[in-house]
Amino acid sequence: MRLERRSRASLLLAVCALVAAVACSSAPPKSTEQERADAATAERVSAALEANPVYYFRDVEVSVDYGVAHLSGYVWTTDALYAAQGIARRVPGVTGVRDTMELERQGNRGGGDGTGSN
């Protein structure tokens, strides 16, 4: 009986800690101005990536949250991955870069070699 109470108490404590962590981690809603600023920054990052004459970045998705550019999708080389991060960092309005891009070693997804030439 005593062990069962401890188990319940431990479970309740764990649930309370989880609820508190989730409540503290949620960001306040963005203002209309912040939404517009992030959307404009995302457009500038996308344009800068597409303007790059060396690498093919059409499979990279960009979103911006409070100035932090989130890059996802895939590229074909590690050089392209690092180039995308650098390009995004240099865009006005970007305060940081988060990268979840995948590296496609054989170009299987898009049929290119990652250099922008076919």
PDB file of N, CA and C in Angstrom:
ATOM      1  N   MET A   1       0.819  -1.187   0.000  1.00  0.00           N
ATOM      2  CA  MET A   1       0.000   0.000   0.000  1.00  0.00           C
ATOM      3  C   MET A   1       0.867   1.256   0.000  1.00  0.00           C
ATOM      4  N   ARG A   2       1.907   1.255   0.823  1.00  0.00           N
ATOM      5  CA  ARG A   2       2.787   2.405   0.923  1.00  0.00           C
ATOM      6  C   ARG A   2       3.539   2.637  -0.398  1.00  0.00           C
ATOM      7  N   LEU A   3       3.977   1.576  -1.035  1.00  0.00           N
ATOM      8  CA  LEU A   3       4.663   1.663  -2.324  1.00  0.00           C
ATOM      9  C   LEU A   3       3.729   2.230  -3.389  1.00  0.00           C
ATOM     10  N   GLU A   4       2.470   1.829  -3.343  1.00  0.00           N
ATOM     11  CA  GLU A   4       1.483   2.325  -4.314  1.00  0.00           C
ATOM     12  C   GLU A   4       1.296   3.836  -4.157  1.00  0.00           C
ATOM     13  N   ARG A   5       1.278   4.344  -2.928  1.00  0.00           N
ATOM     14  CA  ARG A   5       1.138   5.792  -2.689  1.00  0.00           C
ATOM     15  C   ARG A   5       2.349   6.540  -3.235  1.00  0.00           C
ATOM     16  N   ARG A   6       3.529   5.970  -3.033  1.00  0.00           N
ATOM     17  CA  ARG A   6       4.740   6.618  -3.556  1.00  0.00           C
ATOM     18  C   ARG A   6       4.708   6.663  -5.076  1.00  0.00           C
ATOM     19  N   SER A   7       4.261   5.591  -5.687  1.00  0.00           N
ATOM     20  CA  SER A   7       4.178   5.547  -7.154  1.00  0.00           C
ATOM     21  C   SER A   7       3.205   6.597  -7.668  1.00  0.00           C
ATOM     22  N   ARG A   8       2.060   6.688  -7.011  1.00  0.00           N
ATOM     23  CA  ARG A   8       1.073   7.702  -7.416  1.00  0.00           C
ATOM     24  C   ARG A   8       1.629   9.113  -7.214  1.00  0.00           C
ATOM     25  N   ALA A   9       2.279   9.325  -6.095  1.00  0.00           N
ATOM     26  CA  ALA A   9       2.848  10.642  -5.809  1.00  0.00           C
ATOM     27  C   ALA A   9       3.935  10.986  -6.819  1.00  0.00           C
ATOM     28  N   SER A  10       4.760  10.007  -7.171  1.00  0.00           N
ATOM     29  CA  SER A  10       5.808  10.242  -8.170  1.00  0.00           C
ATOM     30  C   SER A  10       5.207  10.556  -9.529  1.00  0.00           C
ATOM     31  N   LEU A  11       4.172   9.816  -9.887  1.00  0.00           N
ATOM     32  CA  LEU A  11       3.508  10.053 -11.170  1.00  0.00           C
ATOM     33  C   LEU A  11       2.878  11.442 -11.192  1.00  0.00           C
ATOM     34  N   LEU A  12       2.206  11.818 -10.116  1.00  0.00           N
ATOM     35  CA  LEU A  12       1.585  13.139 -10.038  1.00  0.00           C
ATOM     36  C   LEU A  12       2.631  14.243 -10.129  1.00  0.00           C
ATOM     37  N   LEU A  13       3.746  14.048  -9.457  1.00  0.00           N
ATOM     38  CA  LEU A  13       4.828  15.029  -9.505  1.00  0.00           C
ATOM     39  C   LEU A  13       5.391  15.155 -10.922  1.00  0.00           C
ATOM     40  N   ALA A  14       5.572  14.030 -11.598  1.00  0.00           N
ATOM     41  CA  ALA A  14       6.083  14.052 -12.971  1.00  0.00           C
ATOM     42  C   ALA A  14       5.111  14.758 -13.904  1.00  0.00           C
ATOM     43  N   VAL A  15       3.823  14.500 -13.745  1.00  0.00           N
ATOM     44  CA  VAL A  15       2.817  15.150 -14.591  1.00  0.00           C
ATOM     45  C   VAL A  15       2.812  16.658 -14.337  1.00  0.00           C
ATOM     46  N   CYS A  16       2.878  17.061 -13.090  1.00  0.00           N
ATOM     47  CA  CYS A  16       2.907  18.496 -12.764  1.00  0.00           C
ATOM     48  C   CYS A  16       4.144  19.171 -13.364  1.00  0.00           C
ATOM     49  N   ALA A  17       5.287  18.514 -13.291  1.00  0.00           N
ATOM     50  CA  ALA A  17       6.511  19.077 -13.856  1.00  0.00           C
ATOM     51  C   ALA A  17       6.388  19.221 -15.369  1.00  0.00           C
ATOM     52  N   LEU A  18       5.807  18.230 -16.015  1.00  0.00           N
ATOM     53  CA  LEU A  18       5.620  18.293 -17.461  1.00  0.00           C
ATOM     54  C   LEU A  18       4.677  19.428 -17.853  1.00  0.00           C
ATOM     55  N   VAL A  19       3.571  19.560 -17.134  1.00  0.00           N
ATOM     56  CA  VAL A  19       2.620  20.641 -17.419  1.00  0.00           C
ATOM     57  C   VAL A  19       3.284  22.000 -17.220  1.00  0.00           C
ATOM     58  N   ALA A  20       4.055  22.149 -16.170  1.00  0.00           N
ATOM     59  CA  ALA A  20       4.739  23.421 -15.913  1.00  0.00           C
ATOM     60  C   ALA A  20       5.751  23.726 -17.007  1.00  0.00           C
ATOM     61  N   ALA A  21       6.474  22.717 -17.452  1.00  0.00           N
ATOM     62  CA  ALA A  21       7.476  22.931 -18.508  1.00  0.00           C
ATOM     63  C   ALA A  21       6.815  23.351 -19.806  1.00  0.00           C
ATOM     64  N   VAL A  22       5.717  22.728 -20.160  1.00  0.00           N
ATOM     65  CA  VAL A  22       5.014  23.080 -21.396  1.00  0.00           C
ATOM     66  C   VAL A  22       4.439  24.480 -21.294  1.00  0.00           C
ATOM     67  N   ALA A  23       3.868  24.820 -20.158  1.00  0.00           N
ATOM     68  CA  ALA A  23       3.270  26.148 -19.984  1.00  0.00           C
ATOM     69  C   ALA A  23       4.326  27.240 -20.068  1.00  0.00           C
ATOM     70  N   CYS A  24       5.494  26.993 -19.533  1.00  0.00           N
ATOM     71  CA  CYS A  24       6.560  27.998 -19.554  1.00  0.00           C
ATOM     72  C   CYS A  24       7.234  28.118 -20.914  1.00  0.00           C
ATOM     73  N   SER A  25       7.160  27.072 -21.714  1.00  0.00           N
ATOM     74  CA  SER A  25       7.873  27.092 -22.991  1.00  0.00           C
ATOM     75  C   SER A  25       7.067  27.699 -24.129  1.00  0.00           C
ATOM     76  N   SER A  26       5.786  27.894 -23.948  1.00  0.00           N
ATOM     77  CA  SER A  26       4.991  28.444 -25.042  1.00  0.00           C
ATOM     78  C   SER A  26       5.196  29.952 -25.129  1.00  0.00           C
ATOM     79  N   ALA A  27       5.430  30.419 -26.335  1.00  0.00           N
ATOM     80  CA  ALA A  27       5.689  31.837 -26.572  1.00  0.00           C
ATOM     81  C   ALA A  27       4.372  32.597 -26.656  1.00  0.00           C
ATOM     82  N   PRO A  28       4.405  33.873 -26.300  1.00  0.00           N
ATOM     83  CA  PRO A  28       3.183  34.669 -26.445  1.00  0.00           C
ATOM     84  C   PRO A  28       2.853  34.839 -27.920  1.00  0.00           C
ATOM     85  N   PRO A  29       1.597  35.099 -28.225  1.00  0.00           N
ATOM     86  CA  PRO A  29       1.222  35.277 -29.632  1.00  0.00           C
ATOM     87  C   PRO A  29       1.954  36.471 -30.247  1.00  0.00           C
ATOM     88  N   LYS A  30       2.277  36.330 -31.521  1.00  0.00           N
ATOM     89  CA  LYS A  30       2.979  37.411 -32.229  1.00  0.00           C
ATOM     90  C   LYS A  30       2.030  38.560 -32.517  1.00  0.00           C
ATOM     91  N   SER A  31       2.602  39.752 -32.491  1.00  0.00           N
ATOM     92  CA  SER A  31       1.834  40.917 -32.911  1.00  0.00           C
ATOM     93  C   SER A  31       1.751  40.914 -34.438  1.00  0.00           C
ATOM     94  N   THR A  32       0.833  41.679 -34.972  1.00  0.00           N
ATOM     95  CA  THR A  32       0.695  41.787 -36.425  1.00  0.00           C
ATOM     96  C   THR A  32       1.990  42.305 -37.038  1.00  0.00           C
ATOM     97  N   GLU A  33       2.622  43.254 -36.377  1.00  0.00           N
ATOM     98  CA  GLU A  33       3.885  43.809 -36.872  1.00  0.00           C
ATOM     99  C   GLU A  33       4.976  42.751 -36.920  1.00  0.00           C
ATOM    100  N   GLN A  34       5.043  41.902 -35.867  1.00  0.00           N
ATOM    101  CA  GLN A  34       6.052  40.847 -35.848  1.00  0.00           C
ATOM    102  C   GLN A  34       5.779  39.808 -36.930  1.00  0.00           C
ATOM    103  N   GLU A  35       4.510  39.473 -37.134  1.00  0.00           N
ATOM    104  CA  GLU A  35       4.140  38.539 -38.210  1.00  0.00           C
ATOM    105  C   GLU A  35       4.614  39.068 -39.560  1.00  0.00           C
ATOM    106  N   ARG A  36       4.360  40.347 -39.801  1.00  0.00           N
ATOM    107  CA  ARG A  36       4.779  40.959 -41.074  1.00  0.00           C
ATOM    108  C   ARG A  36       6.297  40.990 -41.203  1.00  0.00           C
ATOM    109  N   ALA A  37       6.970  41.355 -40.117  1.00  0.00           N
ATOM    110  CA  ALA A  37       8.436  41.422 -40.153  1.00  0.00           C
ATOM    111  C   ALA A  37       9.030  40.038 -40.428  1.00  0.00           C
ATOM    112  N   ASP A  38       8.505  39.015 -39.777  1.00  0.00           N
ATOM    113  CA  ASP A  38       9.004  37.654 -39.992  1.00  0.00           C
ATOM    114  C   ASP A  38       8.714  37.174 -41.412  1.00  0.00           C
ATOM    115  N   ALA A  39       7.532  37.490 -41.930  1.00  0.00           N
ATOM    116  CA  ALA A  39       7.189  37.090 -43.302  1.00  0.00           C
ATOM    117  C   ALA A  39       8.112  37.776 -44.311  1.00  0.00           C
ATOM    118  N   ALA A  40       8.379  39.066 -44.100  1.00  0.00           N
ATOM    119  CA  ALA A  40       9.274  39.797 -45.005  1.00  0.00           C
ATOM    120  C   ALA A  40      10.695  39.247 -44.928  1.00  0.00           C
ATOM    121  N   THR A  41      11.138  38.926 -43.727  1.00  0.00           N
ATOM    122  CA  THR A  41      12.482  38.365 -43.562  1.00  0.00           C
ATOM    123  C   THR A  41      12.571  37.002 -44.244  1.00  0.00           C
ATOM    124  N   ALA A  42      11.539  36.173 -44.100  1.00  0.00           N
ATOM    125  CA  ALA A  42      11.526  34.860 -44.754  1.00  0.00           C
ATOM    126  C   ALA A  42      11.594  35.015 -46.274  1.00  0.00           C
ATOM    127  N   GLU A  43      10.902  35.998 -46.812  1.00  0.00           N
ATOM    128  CA  GLU A  43      10.955  36.246 -48.260  1.00  0.00           C
ATOM    129  C   GLU A  43      12.357  36.666 -48.692  1.00  0.00           C
ATOM    130  N   ARG A  44      13.007  37.511 -47.891  1.00  0.00           N
ATOM    131  CA  ARG A  44      14.369  37.944 -48.226  1.00  0.00           C
ATOM    132  C   ARG A  44      15.353  36.770 -48.173  1.00  0.00           C
ATOM    133  N   VAL A  45      15.198  35.900 -47.181  1.00  0.00           N
ATOM    134  CA  VAL A  45      16.077  34.727 -47.086  1.00  0.00           C
ATOM    135  C   VAL A  45      15.862  33.815 -48.289  1.00  0.00           C
ATOM    136  N   SER A  46      14.609  33.549 -48.629  1.00  0.00           N
ATOM    137  CA  SER A  46      14.307  32.692 -49.787  1.00  0.00           C
ATOM    138  C   SER A  46      14.874  33.276 -51.069  1.00  0.00           C
ATOM    139  N   ALA A  47      14.710  34.578 -51.247  1.00  0.00           N
ATOM    140  CA  ALA A  47      15.234  35.235 -52.447  1.00  0.00           C
ATOM    141  C   ALA A  47      16.757  35.153 -52.495  1.00  0.00           C
ATOM    142  N   ALA A  48      17.400  35.340 -51.357  1.00  0.00           N
ATOM    143  CA  ALA A  48      18.865  35.264 -51.317  1.00  0.00           C
ATOM    144  C   ALA A  48      19.347  33.854 -51.642  1.00  0.00           C
ATOM    145  N   LEU A  49      18.650  32.852 -51.147  1.00  0.00           N
ATOM    146  CA  LEU A  49      19.025  31.469 -51.452  1.00  0.00           C
ATOM    147  C   LEU A  49      18.845  31.175 -52.941  1.00  0.00           C
ATOM    148  N   GLU A  50      17.730  31.593 -53.504  1.00  0.00           N
ATOM    149  CA  GLU A  50      17.469  31.321 -54.919  1.00  0.00           C
ATOM    150  C   GLU A  50      18.391  32.103 -55.846  1.00  0.00           C
ATOM    151  N   ALA A  51      18.916  33.233 -55.373  1.00  0.00           N
ATOM    152  CA  ALA A  51      19.809  34.042 -56.199  1.00  0.00           C
ATOM    153  C   ALA A  51      21.236  33.501 -56.214  1.00  0.00           C
ATOM    154  N   ASN A  52      21.523  32.543 -55.371  1.00  0.00           N
ATOM    155  CA  ASN A  52      22.871  31.991 -55.311  1.00  0.00           C
ATOM    156  C   ASN A  52      23.196  31.272 -56.613  1.00  0.00           C
ATOM    157  N   PRO A  53      24.287  31.658 -57.287  1.00  0.00           N
ATOM    158  CA  PRO A  53      24.612  31.064 -58.587  1.00  0.00           C
ATOM    159  C   PRO A  53      25.329  29.714 -58.491  1.00  0.00           C
ATOM    160  N   VAL A  54      25.740  29.314 -57.308  1.00  0.00           N
ATOM    161  CA  VAL A  54      26.536  28.102 -57.172  1.00  0.00           C
ATOM    162  C   VAL A  54      25.689  26.887 -56.776  1.00  0.00           C
ATOM    163  N   TYR A  55      24.798  27.055 -55.803  1.00  0.00           N
ATOM    164  CA  TYR A  55      24.058  25.924 -55.261  1.00  0.00           C
ATOM    165  C   TYR A  55      22.576  26.004 -55.597  1.00  0.00           C
ATOM    166  N   TYR A  56      21.965  24.842 -55.644  1.00  0.00           N
ATOM    167  CA  TYR A  56      20.538  24.699 -55.918  1.00  0.00           C
ATOM    168  C   TYR A  56      19.816  24.620 -54.571  1.00  0.00           C
ATOM    169  N   PHE A  57      19.054  25.682 -54.226  1.00  0.00           N
ATOM    170  CA  PHE A  57      18.373  25.739 -52.935  1.00  0.00           C
ATOM    171  C   PHE A  57      16.859  25.695 -53.061  1.00  0.00           C
ATOM    172  N   ARG A  58      16.328  25.252 -54.178  1.00  0.00           N
ATOM    173  CA  ARG A  58      14.873  25.251 -54.346  1.00  0.00           C
ATOM    174  C   ARG A  58      14.178  24.231 -53.451  1.00  0.00           C
ATOM    175  N   ASP A  59      14.919  23.304 -52.882  1.00  0.00           N
ATOM    176  CA  ASP A  59      14.325  22.308 -51.988  1.00  0.00           C
ATOM    177  C   ASP A  59      14.526  22.660 -50.520  1.00  0.00           C
ATOM    178  N   VAL A  60      14.903  23.910 -50.268  1.00  0.00           N
ATOM    179  CA  VAL A  60      15.056  24.396 -48.900  1.00  0.00           C
ATOM    180  C   VAL A  60      13.852  25.276 -48.573  1.00  0.00           C
ATOM    181  N   GLU A  61      13.156  24.918 -47.493  1.00  0.00           N
ATOM    182  CA  GLU A  61      12.031  25.722 -47.039  1.00  0.00           C
ATOM    183  C   GLU A  61      12.509  26.677 -45.954  1.00  0.00           C
ATOM    184  N   VAL A  62      11.952  27.876 -45.961  1.00  0.00           N
ATOM    185  CA  VAL A  62      12.366  28.905 -45.011  1.00  0.00           C
ATOM    186  C   VAL A  62      11.149  29.398 -44.241  1.00  0.00           C
ATOM    187  N   SER A  63      11.297  29.488 -42.938  1.00  0.00           N
ATOM    188  CA  SER A  63      10.313  30.183 -42.111  1.00  0.00           C
ATOM    189  C   SER A  63      11.107  31.010 -41.102  1.00  0.00           C
ATOM    190  N   VAL A  64      10.490  32.051 -40.598  1.00  0.00           N
ATOM    191  CA  VAL A  64      11.171  32.922 -39.632  1.00  0.00           C
ATOM    192  C   VAL A  64      10.253  33.122 -38.440  1.00  0.00           C
ATOM    193  N   ASP A  65      10.822  33.009 -37.253  1.00  0.00           N
ATOM    194  CA  ASP A  65      10.072  33.174 -36.023  1.00  0.00           C
ATOM    195  C   ASP A  65      10.861  34.110 -35.104  1.00  0.00           C
ATOM    196  N   TYR A  66      10.330  35.304 -34.909  1.00  0.00           N
ATOM    197  CA  TYR A  66      10.996  36.326 -34.100  1.00  0.00           C
ATOM    198  C   TYR A  66      12.427  36.570 -34.570  1.00  0.00           C
ATOM    199  N   GLY A  67      12.623  36.605 -35.881  1.00  0.00           N
ATOM    200  CA  GLY A  67      13.929  36.901 -36.455  1.00  0.00           C
ATOM    201  C   GLY A  67      14.826  35.692 -36.655  1.00  0.00           C
ATOM    202  N   VAL A  68      14.471  34.552 -36.109  1.00  0.00           N
ATOM    203  CA  VAL A  68      15.278  33.339 -36.259  1.00  0.00           C
ATOM    204  C   VAL A  68      14.815  32.593 -37.507  1.00  0.00           C
ATOM    205  N   ALA A  69      15.722  32.448 -38.466  1.00  0.00           N
ATOM    206  CA  ALA A  69      15.404  31.753 -39.714  1.00  0.00           C
ATOM    207  C   ALA A  69      15.506  30.253 -39.492  1.00  0.00           C
ATOM    208  N   HIS A  70      14.464  29.539 -39.865  1.00  0.00           N
ATOM    209  CA  HIS A  70      14.431  28.085 -39.773  1.00  0.00           C
ATOM    210  C   HIS A  70      14.561  27.534 -41.188  1.00  0.00           C
ATOM    211  N   LEU A  71      15.632  26.788 -41.443  1.00  0.00           N
ATOM    212  CA  LEU A  71      15.880  26.191 -42.753  1.00  0.00           C
ATOM    213  C   LEU A  71      15.597  24.697 -42.666  1.00  0.00           C
ATOM    214  N   SER A  72      14.736  24.213 -43.555  1.00  0.00           N
ATOM    215  CA  SER A  72      14.445  22.784 -43.607  1.00  0.00           C
ATOM    216  C   SER A  72      14.443  22.354 -45.065  1.00  0.00           C
ATOM    217  N   GLY A  73      14.226  21.082 -45.307  1.00  0.00           N
ATOM    218  CA  GLY A  73      14.300  20.561 -46.666  1.00  0.00           C
ATOM    219  C   GLY A  73      15.605  19.833 -46.855  1.00  0.00           C
ATOM    220  N   TYR A  74      16.157  19.888 -48.051  1.00  0.00           N
ATOM    221  CA  TYR A  74      17.393  19.155 -48.286  1.00  0.00           C
ATOM    222  C   TYR A  74      18.282  19.816 -49.324  1.00  0.00           C
ATOM    223  N   VAL A  75      19.570  19.504 -49.208  1.00  0.00           N
ATOM    224  CA  VAL A  75      20.612  19.931 -50.140  1.00  0.00           C
ATOM    225  C   VAL A  75      21.457  18.707 -50.455  1.00  0.00           C
ATOM    226  N   TRP A  76      22.367  18.839 -51.418  1.00  0.00           N
ATOM    227  CA  TRP A  76      23.125  17.677 -51.876  1.00  0.00           C
ATOM    228  C   TRP A  76      24.553  17.593 -51.335  1.00  0.00           C
ATOM    229  N   THR A  77      25.078  18.675 -50.815  1.00  0.00           N
ATOM    230  CA  THR A  77      26.450  18.636 -50.305  1.00  0.00           C
ATOM    231  C   THR A  77      26.545  19.377 -48.981  1.00  0.00           C
ATOM    232  N   THR A  78      27.569  19.036 -48.204  1.00  0.00           N
ATOM    233  CA  THR A  78      27.784  19.763 -46.952  1.00  0.00           C
ATOM    234  C   THR A  78      28.163  21.211 -47.229  1.00  0.00           C
ATOM    235  N   ASP A  79      28.858  21.461 -48.329  1.00  0.00           N
ATOM    236  CA  ASP A  79      29.184  22.849 -48.690  1.00  0.00           C
ATOM    237  C   ASP A  79      27.907  23.648 -48.922  1.00  0.00           C
ATOM    238  N   ALA A  80      26.930  23.049 -49.573  1.00  0.00           N
ATOM    239  CA  ALA A  80      25.653  23.730 -49.816  1.00  0.00           C
ATOM    240  C   ALA A  80      24.930  23.990 -48.498  1.00  0.00           C
ATOM    241  N   LEU A  81      24.993  23.048 -47.583  1.00  0.00           N
ATOM    242  CA  LEU A  81      24.356  23.209 -46.286  1.00  0.00           C
ATOM    243  C   LEU A  81      24.959  24.400 -45.541  1.00  0.00           C
ATOM    244  N   TYR A  82      26.290  24.465 -45.493  1.00  0.00           N
ATOM    245  CA  TYR A  82      26.951  25.580 -44.819  1.00  0.00           C
ATOM    246  C   TYR A  82      26.733  26.899 -45.556  1.00  0.00           C
ATOM    247  N   ALA A  83      26.686  26.848 -46.871  1.00  0.00           N
ATOM    248  CA  ALA A  83      26.431  28.065 -47.652  1.00  0.00           C
ATOM    249  C   ALA A  83      25.033  28.610 -47.351  1.00  0.00           C
ATOM    250  N   ALA A  84      24.047  27.733 -47.252  1.00  0.00           N
ATOM    251  CA  ALA A  84      22.679  28.174 -46.949  1.00  0.00           C
ATOM    252  C   ALA A  84      22.625  28.854 -45.586  1.00  0.00           C
ATOM    253  N   GLN A  85      23.304  28.281 -44.616  1.00  0.00           N
ATOM    254  CA  GLN A  85      23.334  28.895 -43.284  1.00  0.00           C
ATOM    255  C   GLN A  85      23.974  30.282 -43.337  1.00  0.00           C
ATOM    256  N   GLY A  86      25.085  30.395 -44.055  1.00  0.00           N
ATOM    257  CA  GLY A  86      25.779  31.675 -44.165  1.00  0.00           C
ATOM    258  C   GLY A  86      24.963  32.725 -44.889  1.00  0.00           C
ATOM    259  N   ILE A  87      24.307  32.313 -45.970  1.00  0.00           N
ATOM    260  CA  ILE A  87      23.455  33.244 -46.721  1.00  0.00           C
ATOM    261  C   ILE A  87      22.342  33.753 -45.821  1.00  0.00           C
ATOM    262  N   ALA A  88      21.698  32.859 -45.101  1.00  0.00           N
ATOM    263  CA  ALA A  88      20.591  33.262 -44.221  1.00  0.00           C
ATOM    264  C   ALA A  88      21.078  34.225 -43.137  1.00  0.00           C
ATOM    265  N   ARG A  89      22.239  33.966 -42.566  1.00  0.00           N
ATOM    266  CA  ARG A  89      22.770  34.834 -41.499  1.00  0.00           C
ATOM    267  C   ARG A  89      23.005  36.261 -41.977  1.00  0.00           C
ATOM    268  N   ARG A  90      23.346  36.418 -43.242  1.00  0.00           N
ATOM    269  CA  ARG A  90      23.668  37.751 -43.768  1.00  0.00           C
ATOM    270  C   ARG A  90      22.440  38.556 -44.191  1.00  0.00           C
ATOM    271  N   VAL A  91      21.271  37.969 -44.156  1.00  0.00           N
ATOM    272  CA  VAL A  91      20.050  38.676 -44.567  1.00  0.00           C
ATOM    273  C   VAL A  91      19.626  39.630 -43.450  1.00  0.00           C
ATOM    274  N   PRO A  92      19.352  40.886 -43.796  1.00  0.00           N
ATOM    275  CA  PRO A  92      18.887  41.842 -42.780  1.00  0.00           C
ATOM    276  C   PRO A  92      17.616  41.338 -42.093  1.00  0.00           C
ATOM    277  N   GLY A  93      17.599  41.451 -40.777  1.00  0.00           N
ATOM    278  CA  GLY A  93      16.442  41.014 -40.002  1.00  0.00           C
ATOM    279  C   GLY A  93      16.616  39.637 -39.384  1.00  0.00           C
ATOM    280  N   VAL A  94      17.606  38.881 -39.842  1.00  0.00           N
ATOM    281  CA  VAL A  94      17.856  37.555 -39.273  1.00  0.00           C
ATOM    282  C   VAL A  94      18.721  37.705 -38.031  1.00  0.00           C
ATOM    283  N   THR A  95      18.225  37.174 -36.917  1.00  0.00           N
ATOM    284  CA  THR A  95      18.961  37.250 -35.663  1.00  0.00           C
ATOM    285  C   THR A  95      19.629  35.917 -35.309  1.00  0.00           C
ATOM    286  N   GLY A  96      19.246  34.862 -35.999  1.00  0.00           N
ATOM    287  CA  GLY A  96      19.825  33.550 -35.770  1.00  0.00           C
ATOM    288  C   GLY A  96      19.346  32.589 -36.843  1.00  0.00           C
ATOM    289  N   VAL A  97      19.985  31.432 -36.924  1.00  0.00           N
ATOM    290  CA  VAL A  97      19.615  30.428 -37.928  1.00  0.00           C
ATOM    291  C   VAL A  97      19.494  29.079 -37.242  1.00  0.00           C
ATOM    292  N   ARG A  98      18.390  28.413 -37.505  1.00  0.00           N
ATOM    293  CA  ARG A  98      18.191  27.029 -37.056  1.00  0.00           C
ATOM    294  C   ARG A  98      18.096  26.168 -38.300  1.00  0.00           C
ATOM    295  N   ASP A  99      18.873  25.118 -38.314  1.00  0.00           N
ATOM    296  CA  ASP A  99      18.974  24.293 -39.510  1.00  0.00           C
ATOM    297  C   ASP A  99      18.517  22.869 -39.211  1.00  0.00           C
ATOM    298  N   THR A 100      17.508  22.423 -39.945  1.00  0.00           N
ATOM    299  CA  THR A 100      17.094  21.019 -39.881  1.00  0.00           C
ATOM    300  C   THR A 100      17.130  20.412 -41.279  1.00  0.00           C
ATOM    301  N   MET A 101      17.984  20.978 -42.136  1.00  0.00           N
ATOM    302  CA  MET A 101      18.087  20.471 -43.504  1.00  0.00           C
ATOM    303  C   MET A 101      18.686  19.074 -43.501  1.00  0.00           C
ATOM    304  N   GLU A 102      18.303  18.305 -44.492  1.00  0.00           N
ATOM    305  CA  GLU A 102      18.838  16.965 -44.665  1.00  0.00           C
ATOM    306  C   GLU A 102      19.842  16.976 -45.808  1.00  0.00           C
ATOM    307  N   LEU A 103      20.808  16.104 -45.704  1.00  0.00           N
ATOM    308  CA  LEU A 103      21.829  15.976 -46.732  1.00  0.00           C
ATOM    309  C   LEU A 103      21.499  14.755 -47.588  1.00  0.00           C
ATOM    310  N   GLU A 104      21.259  14.982 -48.871  1.00  0.00           N
ATOM    311  CA  GLU A 104      20.990  13.903 -49.819  1.00  0.00           C
ATOM    312  C   GLU A 104      22.284  13.602 -50.544  1.00  0.00           C
ATOM    313  N   ARG A 105      22.898  12.526 -50.215  1.00  0.00           N
ATOM    314  CA  ARG A 105      24.228  12.205 -50.734  1.00  0.00           C
ATOM    315  C   ARG A 105      24.264  11.889 -52.215  1.00  0.00           C
ATOM    316  N   GLN A 106      23.249  11.244 -52.743  1.00  0.00           N
ATOM    317  CA  GLN A 106      23.268  10.849 -54.151  1.00  0.00           C
ATOM    318  C   GLN A 106      22.356  11.714 -55.019  1.00  0.00           C
ATOM    319  N   GLY A 107      21.773  12.746 -54.466  1.00  0.00           N
ATOM    320  CA  GLY A 107      20.854  13.572 -55.246  1.00  0.00           C
ATOM    321  C   GLY A 107      19.613  12.811 -55.641  1.00  0.00           C
ATOM    322  N   ASN A 108      19.198  11.831 -54.844  1.00  0.00           N
ATOM    323  CA  ASN A 108      18.084  10.974 -55.192  1.00  0.00           C
ATOM    324  C   ASN A 108      16.744  11.704 -55.237  1.00  0.00           C
ATOM    325  N   ARG A 109      16.545  12.680 -54.417  1.00  0.00           N
ATOM    326  CA  ARG A 109      15.243  13.335 -54.336  1.00  0.00           C
ATOM    327  C   ARG A 109      14.962  14.279 -55.482  1.00  0.00           C
ATOM    328  N   GLY A 110      15.969  15.045 -55.922  1.00  0.00           N
ATOM    329  CA  GLY A 110      15.690  16.077 -56.904  1.00  0.00           C
ATOM    330  C   GLY A 110      16.376  15.869 -58.233  1.00  0.00           C
ATOM    331  N   GLY A 111      17.255  14.924 -58.310  1.00  0.00           N
ATOM    332  CA  GLY A 111      17.904  14.620 -59.579  1.00  0.00           C
ATOM    333  C   GLY A 111      18.962  15.617 -59.986  1.00  0.00           C
ATOM    334  N   GLY A 112      19.564  16.325 -59.074  1.00  0.00           N
ATOM    335  CA  GLY A 112      20.629  17.264 -59.428  1.00  0.00           C
ATOM    336  C   GLY A 112      21.908  16.901 -58.703  1.00  0.00           C
ATOM    337  N   ASP A 113      22.938  17.647 -58.989  1.00  0.00           N
ATOM    338  CA  ASP A 113      24.203  17.379 -58.310  1.00  0.00           C
ATOM    339  C   ASP A 113      24.471  18.397 -57.208  1.00  0.00           C
ATOM    340  N   GLY A 114      23.510  19.316 -56.958  1.00  0.00           N
ATOM    341  CA  GLY A 114      23.658  20.277 -55.894  1.00  0.00           C
ATOM    342  C   GLY A 114      24.429  21.518 -56.263  1.00  0.00           C
ATOM    343  N   THR A 115      24.948  21.605 -57.480  1.00  0.00           N
ATOM    344  CA  THR A 115      25.736  22.770 -57.866  1.00  0.00           C
ATOM    345  C   THR A 115      24.928  23.768 -58.670  1.00  0.00           C
ATOM    346  N   GLY A 116      23.688  23.432 -58.976  1.00  0.00           N
ATOM    347  CA  GLY A 116      22.851  24.351 -59.756  1.00  0.00           C
ATOM    348  C   GLY A 116      22.922  24.067 -61.241  1.00  0.00           C
ATOM    349  N   SER A 117      23.780  23.158 -61.652  1.00  0.00           N
ATOM    350  CA  SER A 117      23.855  22.803 -63.075  1.00  0.00           C
ATOM    351  C   SER A 117      23.269  21.411 -63.285  1.00  0.00           C
ATOM    352  N   ASN A 118      22.752  21.155 -64.453  1.00  0.00           N
ATOM    353  CA  ASN A 118      22.143  19.848 -64.714  1.00  0.00           C
ATOM    354  C   ASN A 118      22.952  19.046 -65.663  1.00  0.00           C
TER     355      ASN A 118
END
